[in-house]
């Protein structure tokens, strides 16, 4: 059965990388949202994040990220977006760095508890 999952073999094990429909095409370069989310979620103030595409007339799409801060970190601190952007710039190629980072109160999850992703 084709699930649409993209996996990568490392040694004797297979690791989930992404879902085929979730890849973002930035000027012909493929971006896996989960890779960027892993970098963002490593920040100590971040509880969870969702990365998706934002349409762009020149590159086709740009990367954008919505983040939810840890409960004890919720403040009006605008500097968090700059911290996340710097973290991404130091750990990711330029085309994978989110062009827009938004702090949100919550992210939608499916009935199974997985992060709900926008269609298309």
N, C-alpha and C. Protein backbone atom coordinates (compact mmCIF):
# COMPACT_ATOMS: atom_id res chain seq x y z
N UNK A 1 0.85 -1.17 0.00
CA UNK A 1 0.00 0.00 0.00
C UNK A 1 0.90 1.24 0.00
N UNK A 2 0.63 2.18 -0.89
CA UNK A 2 1.40 3.42 -0.98
C UNK A 2 0.81 4.43 -0.01
N UNK A 3 1.55 4.75 1.05
CA UNK A 3 1.07 5.69 2.08
C UNK A 3 1.47 7.12 1.78
N UNK A 4 2.38 7.31 0.83
CA UNK A 4 2.87 8.65 0.53
C UNK A 4 4.01 9.06 1.44
N UNK A 5 4.44 8.17 2.34
CA UNK A 5 5.55 8.47 3.24
C UNK A 5 6.87 8.38 2.49
N UNK A 6 7.79 9.28 2.83
CA UNK A 6 9.15 9.24 2.29
C UNK A 6 10.05 8.81 3.44
N UNK A 7 10.81 7.74 3.21
CA UNK A 7 11.69 7.21 4.24
C UNK A 7 13.12 7.21 3.75
N UNK A 8 14.03 7.11 4.69
CA UNK A 8 15.46 7.11 4.38
C UNK A 8 16.08 5.94 5.15
N UNK A 9 16.89 5.14 4.46
CA UNK A 9 17.55 4.03 5.13
C UNK A 9 18.90 4.49 5.66
N UNK A 10 19.10 4.26 6.96
CA UNK A 10 20.38 4.53 7.61
C UNK A 10 20.80 3.24 8.30
N UNK A 11 21.81 2.61 7.73
CA UNK A 11 22.22 1.31 8.27
C UNK A 11 21.12 0.29 8.02
N UNK A 12 20.71 -0.38 9.06
CA UNK A 12 19.67 -1.42 8.96
C UNK A 12 18.26 -0.87 9.20
N UNK A 13 18.13 0.41 9.53
CA UNK A 13 16.84 0.97 9.89
C UNK A 13 16.34 1.97 8.85
N UNK A 14 15.02 2.11 8.80
CA UNK A 14 14.38 3.11 7.96
C UNK A 14 13.81 4.20 8.86
N UNK A 15 13.98 5.46 8.44
CA UNK A 15 13.50 6.60 9.22
C UNK A 15 12.54 7.42 8.38
N UNK A 16 11.43 7.83 8.99
CA UNK A 16 10.46 8.69 8.33
C UNK A 16 11.10 10.05 8.07
N UNK A 17 10.99 10.56 6.84
CA UNK A 17 11.55 11.86 6.48
C UNK A 17 10.43 12.87 6.25
N UNK A 18 9.41 12.48 5.50
CA UNK A 18 8.35 13.41 5.15
C UNK A 18 7.21 12.65 4.48
N UNK A 19 6.20 13.36 4.14
CA UNK A 19 5.09 12.83 3.35
C UNK A 19 5.18 13.49 1.98
N UNK A 20 4.99 12.73 0.94
CA UNK A 20 5.16 13.22 -0.42
C UNK A 20 4.40 14.52 -0.69
N UNK A 21 3.20 14.66 -0.22
CA UNK A 21 2.40 15.85 -0.47
C UNK A 21 2.84 17.06 0.32
N UNK A 22 3.73 16.91 1.30
CA UNK A 22 4.10 18.01 2.17
C UNK A 22 5.35 18.76 1.75
N UNK A 23 5.99 18.34 0.68
CA UNK A 23 7.24 18.97 0.26
C UNK A 23 6.96 20.38 -0.28
N UNK A 24 7.79 21.34 0.12
CA UNK A 24 7.68 22.72 -0.35
C UNK A 24 8.74 22.92 -1.43
N UNK A 25 8.32 23.47 -2.56
CA UNK A 25 9.23 23.72 -3.67
C UNK A 25 9.60 25.20 -3.67
N UNK A 26 10.84 25.50 -3.28
CA UNK A 26 11.32 26.88 -3.23
C UNK A 26 12.30 27.07 -4.39
N UNK A 27 11.81 27.65 -5.48
CA UNK A 27 12.67 27.89 -6.64
C UNK A 27 13.31 26.64 -7.20
N UNK A 28 12.59 25.52 -7.15
CA UNK A 28 13.11 24.25 -7.66
C UNK A 28 13.84 23.42 -6.62
N UNK A 29 14.06 23.97 -5.43
CA UNK A 29 14.72 23.23 -4.36
C UNK A 29 13.66 22.65 -3.42
N UNK A 30 13.81 21.40 -3.07
CA UNK A 30 12.82 20.72 -2.23
C UNK A 30 13.10 20.95 -0.75
N UNK A 31 12.04 21.26 -0.02
CA UNK A 31 12.14 21.53 1.41
C UNK A 31 11.16 20.62 2.14
N UNK A 32 11.66 19.87 3.12
CA UNK A 32 10.83 19.01 3.96
C UNK A 32 10.49 19.77 5.24
N UNK A 33 9.19 20.07 5.47
CA UNK A 33 8.80 20.83 6.66
C UNK A 33 9.30 20.24 7.97
N UNK A 34 9.30 18.93 8.09
CA UNK A 34 9.71 18.29 9.34
C UNK A 34 11.16 18.59 9.70
N UNK A 35 12.01 18.75 8.72
CA UNK A 35 13.42 19.08 8.98
C UNK A 35 13.53 20.45 9.65
N UNK A 36 12.78 21.41 9.15
CA UNK A 36 12.80 22.76 9.71
C UNK A 36 12.14 22.78 11.08
N UNK A 37 11.04 22.06 11.22
CA UNK A 37 10.36 21.98 12.52
C UNK A 37 11.27 21.40 13.59
N UNK A 38 12.09 20.42 13.23
CA UNK A 38 13.02 19.83 14.20
C UNK A 38 14.01 20.88 14.71
N UNK A 39 14.49 21.74 13.82
CA UNK A 39 15.41 22.81 14.23
C UNK A 39 14.69 23.79 15.14
N UNK A 40 13.50 24.22 14.73
CA UNK A 40 12.74 25.19 15.53
C UNK A 40 12.37 24.61 16.89
N UNK A 41 11.92 23.37 16.91
CA UNK A 41 11.48 22.73 18.16
C UNK A 41 12.63 22.50 19.13
N UNK A 42 13.87 22.59 18.66
CA UNK A 42 15.03 22.44 19.54
C UNK A 42 15.25 23.69 20.39
N UNK A 43 14.62 24.81 20.03
CA UNK A 43 14.75 26.03 20.82
C UNK A 43 14.05 25.82 22.16
N UNK A 44 14.67 26.18 23.28
CA UNK A 44 14.09 25.89 24.60
C UNK A 44 12.76 26.59 24.90
N UNK A 45 12.44 27.65 24.19
CA UNK A 45 11.18 28.35 24.45
C UNK A 45 10.02 27.84 23.59
N UNK A 46 10.30 26.94 22.64
CA UNK A 46 9.28 26.48 21.70
C UNK A 46 8.68 25.16 22.14
N UNK A 47 7.34 25.11 22.19
CA UNK A 47 6.63 23.87 22.50
C UNK A 47 6.40 23.05 21.24
N UNK A 48 5.96 23.72 20.16
CA UNK A 48 5.74 23.02 18.90
C UNK A 48 5.71 24.04 17.76
N UNK A 49 5.87 23.53 16.54
CA UNK A 49 5.86 24.41 15.38
C UNK A 49 5.24 23.68 14.19
N UNK A 50 4.80 24.50 13.23
CA UNK A 50 4.31 23.94 11.96
C UNK A 50 4.90 24.80 10.85
N UNK A 51 5.51 24.14 9.88
CA UNK A 51 6.11 24.81 8.74
C UNK A 51 5.28 24.47 7.51
N UNK A 52 4.99 25.49 6.70
CA UNK A 52 4.24 25.27 5.47
C UNK A 52 4.68 26.27 4.42
N UNK A 53 4.11 26.16 3.24
CA UNK A 53 4.47 27.03 2.13
C UNK A 53 3.64 28.30 2.14
N UNK A 54 4.26 29.36 1.66
CA UNK A 54 3.57 30.62 1.41
C UNK A 54 3.86 30.95 -0.04
N UNK A 55 2.81 31.19 -0.84
CA UNK A 55 2.99 31.44 -2.27
C UNK A 55 3.87 32.67 -2.50
N UNK A 56 4.69 32.55 -3.56
CA UNK A 56 5.58 33.63 -3.94
C UNK A 56 5.65 33.67 -5.46
N UNK A 57 5.43 34.83 -6.09
CA UNK A 57 5.41 34.88 -7.56
C UNK A 57 6.77 34.62 -8.21
N UNK A 58 7.85 34.78 -7.48
CA UNK A 58 9.18 34.60 -8.07
C UNK A 58 9.69 33.17 -7.88
N UNK A 59 9.64 32.66 -6.63
CA UNK A 59 10.19 31.34 -6.34
C UNK A 59 9.14 30.24 -6.34
N UNK A 60 7.87 30.60 -6.46
CA UNK A 60 6.79 29.62 -6.38
C UNK A 60 6.28 29.48 -4.97
N UNK A 61 7.21 29.39 -4.00
CA UNK A 61 6.83 29.29 -2.60
C UNK A 61 7.98 29.76 -1.73
N UNK A 62 7.63 30.18 -0.55
CA UNK A 62 8.58 30.49 0.51
C UNK A 62 8.18 29.69 1.73
N UNK A 63 9.10 29.52 2.65
CA UNK A 63 8.84 28.77 3.87
C UNK A 63 8.32 29.74 4.93
N UNK A 64 7.26 29.33 5.63
CA UNK A 64 6.79 30.11 6.77
C UNK A 64 6.58 29.16 7.94
N UNK A 65 6.67 29.70 9.15
CA UNK A 65 6.54 28.87 10.35
C UNK A 65 5.63 29.53 11.36
N UNK A 66 4.76 28.72 11.95
CA UNK A 66 3.95 29.13 13.09
C UNK A 66 4.50 28.40 14.29
N UNK A 67 4.71 29.11 15.40
CA UNK A 67 5.27 28.47 16.59
C UNK A 67 4.38 28.73 17.80
N UNK A 68 4.35 27.73 18.68
CA UNK A 68 3.67 27.84 19.96
C UNK A 68 4.77 27.79 21.02
N UNK A 69 4.77 28.79 21.89
CA UNK A 69 5.77 28.84 22.95
C UNK A 69 5.37 27.98 24.12
N UNK A 70 6.34 27.57 24.92
CA UNK A 70 6.05 26.85 26.16
C UNK A 70 5.17 27.73 27.04
N UNK A 71 4.33 27.12 27.85
CA UNK A 71 3.39 27.85 28.69
C UNK A 71 4.11 28.88 29.55
N UNK A 72 5.23 28.50 30.15
CA UNK A 72 5.95 29.42 31.03
C UNK A 72 6.73 30.48 30.26
N UNK A 73 6.74 30.40 28.93
CA UNK A 73 7.49 31.35 28.11
C UNK A 73 6.58 32.33 27.37
N UNK A 74 5.29 32.24 27.60
CA UNK A 74 4.36 33.10 26.86
C UNK A 74 4.49 34.53 27.33
N UNK A 75 4.98 35.34 26.45
CA UNK A 75 5.12 36.76 26.73
C UNK A 75 4.98 37.49 25.41
N UNK A 76 4.98 38.77 25.48
CA UNK A 76 4.87 39.58 24.26
C UNK A 76 6.25 39.82 23.65
N UNK A 77 7.19 38.97 23.97
CA UNK A 77 8.57 39.12 23.51
C UNK A 77 8.67 38.90 22.01
N UNK A 78 8.81 39.97 21.25
CA UNK A 78 8.94 39.89 19.80
C UNK A 78 10.30 39.33 19.38
N UNK A 79 11.26 39.33 20.29
CA UNK A 79 12.61 38.87 19.97
C UNK A 79 12.65 37.38 19.65
N UNK A 80 11.64 36.61 20.06
CA UNK A 80 11.68 35.17 19.83
C UNK A 80 11.74 34.85 18.33
N UNK A 81 11.03 35.60 17.50
CA UNK A 81 11.08 35.35 16.06
C UNK A 81 12.49 35.56 15.52
N UNK A 82 13.19 36.56 16.04
CA UNK A 82 14.57 36.80 15.62
C UNK A 82 15.49 35.68 16.10
N UNK A 83 15.25 35.18 17.31
CA UNK A 83 16.04 34.06 17.83
C UNK A 83 15.85 32.82 16.97
N UNK A 84 14.60 32.53 16.63
CA UNK A 84 14.28 31.36 15.81
C UNK A 84 14.90 31.51 14.42
N UNK A 85 14.80 32.69 13.85
CA UNK A 85 15.38 32.95 12.54
C UNK A 85 16.90 32.74 12.56
N UNK A 86 17.55 33.24 13.60
CA UNK A 86 19.01 33.06 13.72
C UNK A 86 19.37 31.59 13.88
N UNK A 87 18.57 30.86 14.66
CA UNK A 87 18.79 29.43 14.85
C UNK A 87 18.68 28.70 13.51
N UNK A 88 17.66 29.05 12.73
CA UNK A 88 17.47 28.42 11.42
C UNK A 88 18.61 28.78 10.48
N UNK A 89 19.02 30.04 10.45
CA UNK A 89 20.11 30.47 9.56
C UNK A 89 21.42 29.75 9.89
N UNK A 90 21.63 29.43 11.16
CA UNK A 90 22.88 28.75 11.53
C UNK A 90 22.83 27.24 11.33
N UNK A 91 21.63 26.68 11.11
CA UNK A 91 21.50 25.23 10.99
C UNK A 91 20.92 24.74 9.66
N UNK A 92 20.48 25.66 8.81
CA UNK A 92 19.80 25.27 7.57
C UNK A 92 20.34 26.06 6.38
N UNK A 93 20.24 25.50 5.18
CA UNK A 93 20.59 26.27 3.98
C UNK A 93 19.62 27.46 3.82
N UNK A 94 20.04 28.52 3.15
CA UNK A 94 19.20 29.73 3.05
C UNK A 94 17.78 29.50 2.53
N UNK A 95 17.58 28.59 1.57
CA UNK A 95 16.24 28.39 1.02
C UNK A 95 15.29 27.71 2.01
N UNK A 96 15.82 27.15 3.09
CA UNK A 96 14.99 26.49 4.10
C UNK A 96 14.66 27.37 5.29
N UNK A 97 15.26 28.54 5.38
CA UNK A 97 15.02 29.45 6.50
C UNK A 97 13.66 30.11 6.30
N UNK A 98 12.78 30.03 7.31
CA UNK A 98 11.45 30.65 7.17
C UNK A 98 11.55 32.15 6.91
N UNK A 99 10.78 32.62 5.93
CA UNK A 99 10.73 34.04 5.63
C UNK A 99 9.75 34.77 6.55
N UNK A 100 8.86 34.01 7.16
CA UNK A 100 7.90 34.57 8.11
C UNK A 100 7.77 33.61 9.28
N UNK A 101 7.90 34.14 10.49
CA UNK A 101 7.74 33.36 11.71
C UNK A 101 6.69 34.06 12.55
N UNK A 102 5.63 33.32 12.90
CA UNK A 102 4.52 33.88 13.65
C UNK A 102 4.32 33.10 14.94
N UNK A 103 4.23 33.80 16.07
CA UNK A 103 3.91 33.15 17.34
C UNK A 103 2.39 33.06 17.42
N UNK A 104 1.88 31.85 17.63
CA UNK A 104 0.44 31.61 17.74
C UNK A 104 0.14 30.96 19.09
N UNK A 105 -1.12 31.03 19.50
CA UNK A 105 -1.52 30.43 20.77
C UNK A 105 -1.61 28.92 20.70
N UNK A 106 -2.00 28.39 19.54
CA UNK A 106 -2.13 26.94 19.39
C UNK A 106 -2.06 26.57 17.92
N UNK A 107 -1.81 25.29 17.67
CA UNK A 107 -1.81 24.73 16.32
C UNK A 107 -2.84 23.61 16.29
N UNK A 108 -3.53 23.49 15.18
CA UNK A 108 -4.54 22.44 15.04
C UNK A 108 -3.87 21.07 14.97
N UNK A 109 -4.52 20.11 15.62
CA UNK A 109 -4.07 18.72 15.55
C UNK A 109 -5.23 17.86 15.08
N UNK A 110 -4.92 16.72 14.49
CA UNK A 110 -5.95 15.80 14.02
C UNK A 110 -6.52 15.03 15.19
N UNK A 111 -7.57 14.28 14.94
CA UNK A 111 -8.18 13.46 16.00
C UNK A 111 -7.20 12.42 16.53
N UNK A 112 -6.20 12.07 15.73
CA UNK A 112 -5.17 11.13 16.15
C UNK A 112 -4.02 11.78 16.90
N UNK A 113 -4.09 13.12 17.07
CA UNK A 113 -3.09 13.82 17.82
C UNK A 113 -1.89 14.30 17.01
N UNK A 114 -1.94 14.12 15.69
CA UNK A 114 -0.85 14.58 14.82
C UNK A 114 -1.10 16.02 14.41
N UNK A 115 -0.03 16.72 14.08
CA UNK A 115 -0.11 18.09 13.61
C UNK A 115 -0.92 18.16 12.33
N UNK A 116 -1.96 18.99 12.30
CA UNK A 116 -2.78 19.15 11.10
C UNK A 116 -2.04 20.06 10.14
N UNK A 117 -1.92 19.63 8.92
CA UNK A 117 -1.21 20.40 7.90
C UNK A 117 -2.21 20.95 6.90
N UNK A 118 -1.98 22.19 6.42
CA UNK A 118 -2.88 22.74 5.41
C UNK A 118 -2.76 21.96 4.12
N UNK A 119 -3.84 21.87 3.39
CA UNK A 119 -3.83 21.19 2.08
C UNK A 119 -3.33 22.15 1.03
N UNK A 120 -2.26 21.69 0.32
CA UNK A 120 -1.73 22.50 -0.77
C UNK A 120 -1.00 23.61 -0.27
